[in-house]
Protein backbone atom coordinates (compact mmCIF):
# COMPACT_ATOMS: atom_id res chain seq x y z
CA UNK A 1 17.27 -20.83 -17.21
CA UNK A 2 17.77 -17.18 -16.20
CA UNK A 3 19.82 -16.50 -13.08
CA UNK A 4 17.65 -15.61 -10.11
CA UNK A 5 17.66 -12.13 -8.61
CA UNK A 6 19.12 -11.83 -5.11
CA UNK A 7 16.52 -10.39 -2.70
CA UNK A 8 16.96 -9.10 0.85
CA UNK A 9 14.53 -7.80 3.46
CA UNK A 10 14.91 -5.02 6.04
CA UNK A 11 12.39 -5.51 8.86
CA UNK A 12 11.05 -9.04 9.39
CA UNK A 13 7.75 -8.42 11.14
CA UNK A 14 4.45 -9.78 9.87
CA UNK A 15 4.24 -8.02 6.51
CA UNK A 16 7.67 -9.30 5.47
CA UNK A 17 6.07 -12.74 5.04
CA UNK A 18 4.05 -11.31 2.18
CA UNK A 19 7.18 -10.00 0.46
CA UNK A 20 9.19 -13.18 1.00
CA UNK A 21 6.31 -15.32 -0.22
CA UNK A 22 6.04 -13.20 -3.37
CA UNK A 23 9.73 -13.53 -4.13
CA UNK A 24 9.73 -17.30 -3.70
CA UNK A 25 6.34 -18.05 -5.26
CA UNK A 26 7.06 -16.33 -8.56
CA UNK A 27 10.24 -18.37 -8.96
CA UNK A 28 12.54 -15.55 -10.00
CA UNK A 29 14.35 -14.71 -6.76
CA UNK A 30 16.41 -16.21 -3.99
CA UNK A 31 16.18 -14.59 -0.55
CA UNK A 32 19.79 -14.10 0.51
CA UNK A 33 19.60 -11.91 3.61
CA UNK A 34 17.33 -10.56 6.37
CA UNK A 35 17.94 -7.60 8.69
CA UNK A 36 16.09 -7.00 11.96
CA UNK A 37 16.85 -6.18 15.57
CA UNK A 38 15.10 -9.40 16.57
CA UNK A 39 16.96 -12.66 15.97
CA UNK A 40 13.71 -14.44 16.88
CA UNK A 41 11.81 -12.70 14.08
CA UNK A 42 14.42 -13.67 11.48
CA UNK A 43 14.52 -17.26 12.72
CA UNK A 44 10.75 -17.47 12.30
CA UNK A 45 11.06 -16.51 8.64
CA UNK A 46 13.71 -19.20 8.12
CA UNK A 47 11.36 -21.81 9.53
CA UNK A 48 8.23 -20.50 7.82
CA UNK A 49 9.75 -20.55 4.34
CA UNK A 50 12.47 -23.20 4.78
CA UNK A 51 15.20 -20.74 3.78
CA UNK A 52 18.69 -20.03 5.10
CA UNK A 53 19.50 -16.37 4.41
CA UNK A 54 22.23 -14.46 6.20
CA UNK A 55 21.01 -12.55 9.28
CA UNK A 56 21.99 -9.01 10.25
CA UNK A 57 20.95 -6.64 13.02
CA UNK A 58 21.98 -3.64 10.89
CA UNK A 59 20.40 -3.03 7.51
CA UNK A 60 23.32 -0.96 6.27
CA UNK A 61 25.78 -3.72 7.08
CA UNK A 62 23.55 -6.14 5.20
CA UNK A 63 23.45 -3.89 2.14
CA UNK A 64 27.23 -3.38 2.24
CA UNK A 65 28.12 -7.05 2.54
CA UNK A 66 25.37 -8.72 0.51
CA UNK A 67 24.76 -6.18 -2.29
CA UNK A 68 21.31 -7.59 -3.15
CA UNK A 69 19.64 -6.91 -6.49
CA UNK A 70 16.32 -6.14 -4.82
CA UNK A 71 15.55 -5.13 -1.23
CA UNK A 72 12.21 -4.98 0.57
CA UNK A 73 11.58 -2.34 3.24
CA UNK A 74 9.15 -3.89 5.72
CA UNK A 75 9.62 -1.71 8.80
CA UNK A 76 6.82 0.23 10.45
CA UNK A 77 5.69 3.34 8.56
CA UNK A 78 8.13 5.84 10.04
CA UNK A 79 11.02 3.62 8.97
CA UNK A 80 10.04 3.49 5.29
CA UNK A 81 11.73 6.71 4.21
CA UNK A 82 14.98 6.47 6.21
CA UNK A 83 15.56 2.86 5.23
CA UNK A 84 14.66 3.42 1.57
CA UNK A 85 17.08 6.36 1.41
CA UNK A 86 19.76 4.31 3.18
CA UNK A 87 19.28 1.28 0.93
CA UNK A 88 19.27 3.40 -2.23
CA UNK A 89 22.78 4.63 -1.41
CA UNK A 90 24.04 1.07 -2.05
CA UNK A 91 22.42 1.11 -5.50
CA UNK A 92 20.44 -2.12 -5.67
CA UNK A 93 18.52 -2.58 -8.89
CA UNK A 94 15.17 -2.05 -7.16
CA UNK A 95 13.55 -1.36 -3.80
CA UNK A 96 10.09 -2.65 -2.88
CA UNK A 97 8.80 -0.62 0.07
CA UNK A 98 5.70 -1.56 2.01
CA UNK A 99 2.81 0.93 2.05
CA UNK A 100 1.89 3.56 3.08
CA UNK A 101 4.89 4.96 1.25
CA UNK A 102 5.94 7.17 4.19
CA UNK A 103 4.57 8.97 7.23
CA UNK A 104 4.74 12.37 5.46
CA UNK A 105 4.58 13.57 1.87
CA UNK A 106 7.94 15.27 2.34
CA UNK A 107 9.56 11.97 3.38
CA UNK A 108 8.01 10.25 0.36
CA UNK A 109 9.55 12.90 -1.88
CA UNK A 110 12.94 12.14 -0.36
CA UNK A 111 12.47 8.47 -1.25
CA UNK A 112 11.76 9.33 -4.88
CA UNK A 113 14.74 11.67 -5.06
CA UNK A 114 17.16 9.22 -3.42
CA UNK A 115 16.16 6.42 -5.77
CA UNK A 116 16.28 8.67 -8.83
CA UNK A 117 19.75 10.02 -8.11
CA UNK A 118 21.10 6.50 -7.48
CA UNK A 119 19.42 4.89 -10.48
CA UNK A 120 17.25 2.61 -8.33
CA UNK A 121 13.78 1.49 -9.37
CA UNK A 122 11.27 2.10 -6.56
CA UNK A 123 7.98 0.24 -6.11
CA UNK A 124 5.45 0.56 -3.29
CA UNK A 125 3.59 -2.50 -1.98
CA UNK A 126 0.09 -1.80 -3.26
CA UNK A 127 -0.16 -5.44 -4.27
CA UNK A 128 -3.89 -5.34 -4.99
CA UNK A 129 -3.09 -3.79 -8.38
CA UNK A 130 -2.17 -7.36 -9.27
CA UNK A 131 -5.50 -8.93 -8.33
CA UNK A 132 -7.41 -10.19 -11.39
CA UNK A 133 -10.78 -8.86 -10.13
CA UNK A 134 -9.33 -5.34 -9.89
CA UNK A 135 -7.68 -5.62 -13.30
CA UNK A 136 -10.90 -6.92 -14.88
CA UNK A 137 -12.79 -3.96 -13.39
CA UNK A 138 -10.18 -1.58 -14.83
CA UNK A 139 -10.56 -3.19 -18.25
CA UNK A 140 -14.37 -3.09 -18.14
CA UNK A 141 -14.31 0.58 -17.14
CA UNK A 142 -11.83 1.27 -19.94
CA UNK A 143 -14.11 -0.25 -22.59
CA UNK A 144 -17.19 1.63 -21.26
CA UNK A 145 -18.98 -1.49 -20.03
CA UNK A 146 -20.86 0.65 -17.48
CA UNK A 147 -20.68 3.94 -19.39
CA UNK A 148 -19.15 6.97 -17.73
CA UNK A 149 -18.05 6.32 -14.15
CA UNK A 150 -19.82 8.73 -11.82
CA UNK A 151 -18.87 7.46 -8.37
CA UNK A 152 -16.62 4.88 -6.70
CA UNK A 153 -17.47 4.18 -3.07
CA UNK A 154 -15.40 2.24 -0.54
CA UNK A 155 -15.51 1.50 3.17
CA UNK A 156 -12.37 1.78 5.29
CA UNK A 157 -11.26 1.41 8.86
CA UNK A 158 -8.30 1.35 11.26
CA UNK A 159 -6.85 4.60 9.98
CA UNK A 160 -6.59 6.23 6.57
CA UNK A 161 -2.80 5.85 6.11
CA UNK A 162 -2.68 2.08 6.52
CA UNK A 163 -6.01 0.79 5.25
CA UNK A 164 -7.24 3.50 2.93
CA UNK A 165 -3.96 4.17 1.15
CA UNK A 166 -4.86 0.91 -0.62
CA UNK A 167 -8.22 2.45 -1.53
CA UNK A 168 -6.87 5.76 -2.85
CA UNK A 169 -4.41 3.75 -4.93
CA UNK A 170 -7.25 1.50 -6.10
CA UNK A 171 -9.23 4.49 -7.39
CA UNK A 172 -6.34 5.60 -9.56
CA UNK A 173 -5.72 2.05 -10.83
CA UNK A 174 -9.37 1.49 -11.75
CA UNK A 175 -9.38 4.82 -13.61
CA UNK A 176 -6.16 4.03 -15.52
CA UNK A 177 -4.19 6.26 -13.15
CA UNK A 178 -6.25 9.37 -13.75
CA UNK A 179 -5.13 12.33 -11.64
CA UNK A 180 -6.96 13.42 -8.51
CA UNK A 181 -7.56 17.17 -8.82
CA UNK A 182 -9.14 17.99 -5.46
CA UNK A 183 -10.00 16.43 -2.11
CA UNK A 184 -12.43 17.43 0.60
CA UNK A 185 -12.91 15.60 3.86
CA UNK A 186 -13.30 15.69 7.60
CA UNK A 187 -12.18 13.57 10.53
CA UNK A 188 -13.01 12.84 14.17
CA UNK A 189 -10.25 12.18 16.69
CA UNK A 190 -11.46 12.08 20.27
CA UNK A 191 -8.94 9.43 21.38
CA UNK A 192 -5.15 9.43 21.09
CA UNK A 193 -4.80 6.34 18.94
CA UNK A 194 -1.93 5.31 16.68
CA UNK A 195 -1.40 2.58 14.11
CA UNK A 196 2.18 1.26 14.02
CA UNK A 197 3.46 4.46 15.65
CA UNK A 198 1.59 6.73 13.21
CA UNK A 199 -1.27 8.90 14.49
CA UNK A 200 -4.64 7.94 13.07
CA UNK A 201 -8.13 9.36 13.26
CA UNK A 202 -11.15 7.73 14.89
CA UNK A 203 -13.44 8.30 11.90
CA UNK A 204 -13.22 9.97 8.50
CA UNK A 205 -15.18 10.83 5.38
CA UNK A 206 -13.62 12.03 2.14
CA UNK A 207 -14.50 12.88 -1.46
CA UNK A 208 -11.95 12.78 -4.30
CA UNK A 209 -12.47 14.43 -7.70
CA UNK A 210 -10.62 13.06 -10.74
CA UNK A 211 -9.61 14.95 -13.84
CA UNK A 212 -11.64 12.74 -16.17
CA UNK A 213 -14.88 13.37 -14.26
CA UNK A 214 -15.36 10.49 -11.79
CA UNK A 215 -15.56 11.04 -8.05
CA UNK A 216 -14.68 8.63 -5.27
CA UNK A 217 -15.78 8.53 -1.65
CA UNK A 218 -14.38 6.85 1.46
CA UNK A 219 -16.36 6.23 4.64
CA UNK A 220 -13.87 5.13 7.29
CA UNK A 221 -15.03 3.64 10.60
CA UNK A 222 -18.46 5.19 10.06
CA UNK A 223 -20.31 1.96 9.28
CA UNK A 224 -20.06 -1.44 11.00
CA UNK A 225 -18.16 -3.22 8.22
CA UNK A 226 -15.28 -2.39 5.93
CA UNK A 227 -13.45 -4.27 3.21
CA UNK A 228 -10.98 -3.83 0.37
CA UNK A 229 -12.95 -3.37 -2.82
CA UNK A 230 -15.54 -0.91 -4.08
CA UNK A 231 -18.96 -0.17 -5.51
CA UNK A 232 -18.59 1.54 -8.89
CA UNK A 233 -21.59 3.43 -10.31
CA UNK A 234 -21.68 4.31 -14.00
CA UNK A 235 -24.14 5.97 -16.35
CA UNK A 236 -25.00 2.59 -17.90
CA UNK A 237 -24.39 0.07 -15.14
CA UNK A 238 -22.64 -0.86 -11.92
CA UNK A 239 -19.66 -2.95 -10.82
CA UNK A 240 -19.01 -4.34 -7.36
CA UNK A 241 -15.54 -5.72 -6.63
CA UNK A 242 -13.91 -7.50 -3.74
CA UNK A 243 -10.40 -8.87 -3.68
CA UNK A 244 -11.69 -12.14 -5.17
CA UNK A 245 -14.86 -11.36 -7.15
CA UNK A 246 -16.42 -8.95 -9.62
CA UNK A 247 -20.16 -8.48 -10.12
CA UNK A 248 -21.46 -6.42 -13.03
CA UNK A 249 -24.93 -5.18 -13.89
CA UNK A 250 -25.50 -3.58 -17.29
CA UNK A 251 -27.54 -3.98 -20.47
CA UNK A 252 -25.35 -6.86 -21.64
CA UNK A 253 -26.07 -8.78 -18.42
CA UNK A 254 -29.79 -8.30 -18.99
CA UNK A 255 -30.14 -5.99 -16.04
CA UNK A 256 -29.09 -8.73 -13.63
CA UNK A 257 -25.95 -9.10 -11.59
CA UNK A 258 -23.38 -11.29 -13.36
CA UNK A 259 -20.57 -12.72 -11.21
CA UNK A 260 -16.96 -13.27 -12.28
CA UNK A 261 -14.32 -15.03 -10.16
CA UNK A 262 -11.14 -14.59 -12.21
CA UNK A 263 -8.12 -16.68 -11.32
CA UNK A 264 -4.60 -15.35 -11.11
CA UNK A 265 -1.35 -16.13 -12.81
CA UNK A 266 -0.16 -18.17 -9.83
CA UNK A 267 -3.23 -19.22 -7.82
CA UNK A 268 -6.96 -19.84 -8.05
CA UNK A 269 -9.60 -18.32 -5.80
CA UNK A 270 -11.15 -21.75 -5.28
CA UNK A 271 -7.90 -23.14 -3.90
CA UNK A 272 -7.04 -20.26 -1.57
CA UNK A 273 -10.28 -18.50 -0.65
CA UNK A 274 -9.62 -15.32 1.34
CA UNK A 275 -5.87 -15.99 1.26
CA UNK A 276 -5.93 -15.49 -2.51
CA UNK A 277 -5.45 -11.72 -2.42
CA UNK A 278 -2.30 -11.96 -0.31
CA UNK A 279 -0.59 -14.78 -2.15
CA UNK A 280 -1.57 -13.84 -5.70
CA UNK A 281 -0.95 -10.14 -5.13
CA UNK A 282 2.48 -10.72 -3.62
CA UNK A 283 3.60 -13.11 -6.35
CA UNK A 284 2.30 -10.89 -9.15
CA UNK A 285 3.96 -7.83 -7.66
CA UNK A 286 7.32 -9.59 -7.39
CA UNK A 287 7.08 -11.11 -10.86
CA UNK A 288 6.47 -7.76 -12.53
CA UNK A 289 9.26 -6.22 -10.46
CA UNK A 290 11.63 -8.81 -11.92
CA UNK A 291 10.39 -7.94 -15.41
CA UNK A 292 11.00 -4.25 -14.69
CA UNK A 293 14.51 -4.88 -13.34
CA UNK A 294 15.36 -7.03 -16.36
CA UNK A 295 14.02 -4.47 -18.85
CA UNK A 296 11.12 -6.61 -20.06
CA UNK A 297 8.60 -3.90 -19.15
CA UNK A 298 8.99 -0.13 -19.07
CA UNK A 299 7.09 0.43 -15.83
CA UNK A 300 5.74 -1.34 -12.76
CA UNK A 301 2.09 -1.13 -11.74
CA UNK A 302 3.16 -0.21 -8.22
CA UNK A 303 6.03 2.13 -9.05
CA UNK A 304 6.90 4.84 -6.57
CA UNK A 305 5.05 7.68 -8.27
CA UNK A 306 1.74 5.87 -7.79
CA UNK A 307 2.39 5.21 -4.11
CA UNK A 308 3.33 8.88 -3.70
CA UNK A 309 0.03 10.05 -5.19
CA UNK A 310 -1.98 7.61 -3.08
CA UNK A 311 -0.27 9.00 0.05
CA UNK A 312 -0.93 12.58 -1.06
CA UNK A 313 -4.64 11.81 -1.37
CA UNK A 314 -4.78 10.42 2.18
CA UNK A 315 -2.92 13.38 3.66
CA UNK A 316 -5.09 15.78 1.66
CA UNK A 317 -8.07 14.51 3.70
CA UNK A 318 -6.24 15.57 6.86
CA UNK A 319 -5.27 18.89 5.28
CA UNK A 320 -8.89 19.55 4.30
CA UNK A 321 -9.93 18.93 7.91
CA UNK A 322 -7.13 21.17 9.18
CA UNK A 323 -7.82 24.06 6.80
CA UNK A 324 -11.62 23.62 6.61
CA UNK A 325 -11.51 23.81 2.82
CA UNK A 326 -11.29 21.91 -0.43
CA UNK A 327 -7.65 20.99 -1.10
CA UNK A 328 -6.39 21.30 -4.66
CA UNK A 329 -3.90 18.70 -5.77
CA UNK A 330 -1.01 18.11 -5.75
CA UNK A 331 -0.81 18.59 -2.00
CA UNK A 332 1.65 21.30 -0.98
CA UNK A 333 1.89 20.49 2.75
CA UNK A 334 4.84 18.17 3.26
CA UNK A 335 4.43 17.34 6.95
CA UNK A 336 1.58 15.29 8.38
CA UNK A 337 -1.48 17.57 8.75
CA UNK A 338 -2.95 15.33 11.45
CA UNK A 339 0.20 15.77 13.52
CA UNK A 340 -0.05 19.54 12.99
CA UNK A 341 -3.64 19.58 14.25
CA UNK A 342 -2.84 17.59 17.39
CA UNK A 343 0.46 19.24 18.26
CA UNK A 344 -0.89 22.76 17.74
CA UNK A 345 -3.89 22.13 20.00
CA UNK A 346 -6.29 22.45 17.05
CA UNK A 347 -7.42 18.86 17.62
CA UNK A 348 -6.91 17.87 21.25
CA UNK A 349 -7.93 14.33 22.25
CA UNK A 350 -10.93 14.41 24.55
CA UNK A 351 -10.13 10.97 25.97
CA UNK A 352 -6.35 11.14 26.60
CA UNK A 353 -4.06 8.14 26.79
CA UNK A 354 -1.86 7.21 23.86
CA UNK A 355 -2.33 3.68 22.57
CA UNK A 356 -1.38 1.80 19.40
CA UNK A 357 -3.87 -0.53 17.74
CA UNK A 358 -0.95 -2.68 16.51
CA UNK A 359 0.81 -2.98 19.88
CA UNK A 360 -0.25 -6.63 20.04
CA UNK A 361 2.36 -7.31 17.33
CA UNK A 362 5.28 -6.10 19.46
CA UNK A 363 7.63 -8.81 20.75
CA UNK A 364 8.50 -10.00 24.25
CA UNK A 365 8.63 -7.12 26.78
CA UNK A 366 8.86 -4.43 24.11
CA UNK A 367 6.06 -1.92 24.60
CA UNK A 368 7.58 0.85 22.46
CA UNK A 369 8.11 0.20 18.76
CA UNK A 370 11.44 0.57 17.00
CA UNK A 371 10.36 2.32 13.83
CA UNK A 372 13.80 2.01 12.27
CA UNK A 373 14.10 -1.76 12.04
CA UNK A 374 10.97 -3.75 12.77
């Protein structure tokens, strides 16, 4: 039996459970260390997963002493780049960073550069690339089951960087990682709201044009409901996907909707219901990362370059709103265009009072996040 990879985690808030579960569920890792400012948070992970990793309050000390093969970066968004760069200096075999990749395109570039110069494989946690319904949709599109794709439509909410970075990444995955060539969008921001210490808009609409011809559209916080998945309209049929199901309507289905509920490598939809996407996605992501580290595959579905392009697409929506124009890709602005609009007075909140929609996740008496290690 192959020796297990040694995994460590920096930042043990809620999303770290997804990473730890993935490592353990796929059977190819042992979790050897956790780093967080909160001893309580680390203790919770011990109890939740019945593990006994070493605990550190300094991620650099953890990397120096433990020298893990793989490290997850599960801090809030602003901590992704500094901790990825710091961890890369210790040359683990791979880093799995939670999405969105960074809070700016420039910071995401630094992550790619730091990993490249240290020979570290970098993956971003867009785990829905490992959902069988998404992969089946990709395969059906690839074999022209609905003809030429004309439009992919999705509904987002709670801020483009967090929620809709999954959707911009989904578009590229469904289209076999076709390149986005331009973006046009607009936003509303009357309040001063944040999501995990990152400014977000109140509402947004965006259109993305892909090199091969398809377009995609996001409506974010403009309709009552939102979900991960999409409606895909082709010249010869339609596909509707959620994280668990795929419905297709084409000539082969007799002009009627035909439902598929594909099971995963590790779990079934019937057994897990709406927990399926989290547990299957996390395990599949970790399993393929182990294959990539061990040289069994040449690439990872969630490798850093894909996360970088998904982030560029999100920030291009903000840049289109800032510049009042179509934005050609790749995006050239390396700071956050939404921050530029607010800080320059171009987009002044009409209902002042900064608040964070994720503040409920802060611990004890902490009312200000620590973006470096939580």
